[in-house]
Amino acid sequence: MTNSIKTIAKVNNVAIQVDHASVEKWVPVRPICEALGVDFPTQFGKIKEHPILSSTVGLRPTVAADEKDRNMQCLPIQFVFGWLFTIHPNNVNEDARDALIRYQLECYNALFLYFSEKTDFLQDKQTLIDEKATKFQSIQFEFKSAKERLVKAKDEFNKARAYSFEQWKAEKMQPKIPFPENQ
């Protein structure tokens, strides 16, 4: 095998390998079928019928188990895991069944975490937005009130600056007559 061939997984003690030198990572389908004990033509037929997988599968040169270059039906690596998820455990060899069931359980958990984490994130984000909106509205109200007080204070300040000697003198001359409050 060449140095660029790497084992990405083992299925029933069979190494599943991919050529890491290529830009796209392709995984041969037949060795996985053989490791699981499922019929390759049947699985390949299901892949060809699948609306997503059919558009991704293709004949690619790869290094076979005998270490010779062979053209094999391959899936891009990102689709292999989903394809394995579709294989019913009752259809595989008994010695591969537990491993496939464990793998599929991991898939269920990974999907749950992926989608539930987004839900949790959205809930946490909405809570944060609500808290920040309340704080923003409170500060906005305080700002509006402070702005009104500032305008009034500025007006009073300007009046004080414009206050003339004549006004002061006139106010001092005003008689202060005490009137009884309510009689």
Foldseek 3Di string as FASTA:
>chain_A
DDPQWDFPDAFLNRTFIWRNVDPFTKTFDVVNCVSFVADPVVLVVVLCVDPPSVVFWDFDWDQDPVRDTDTGTIGGPVCPLVSLLPDDLVRTDPSRSVVSVVSNVVVVVVVCCVVVVVVVVVVVVVVVVVVVVVVVVVVVVVVVVVVVVVVVVVVVVVCVVVDDPVNVVVVVPDDDDDDDDDD
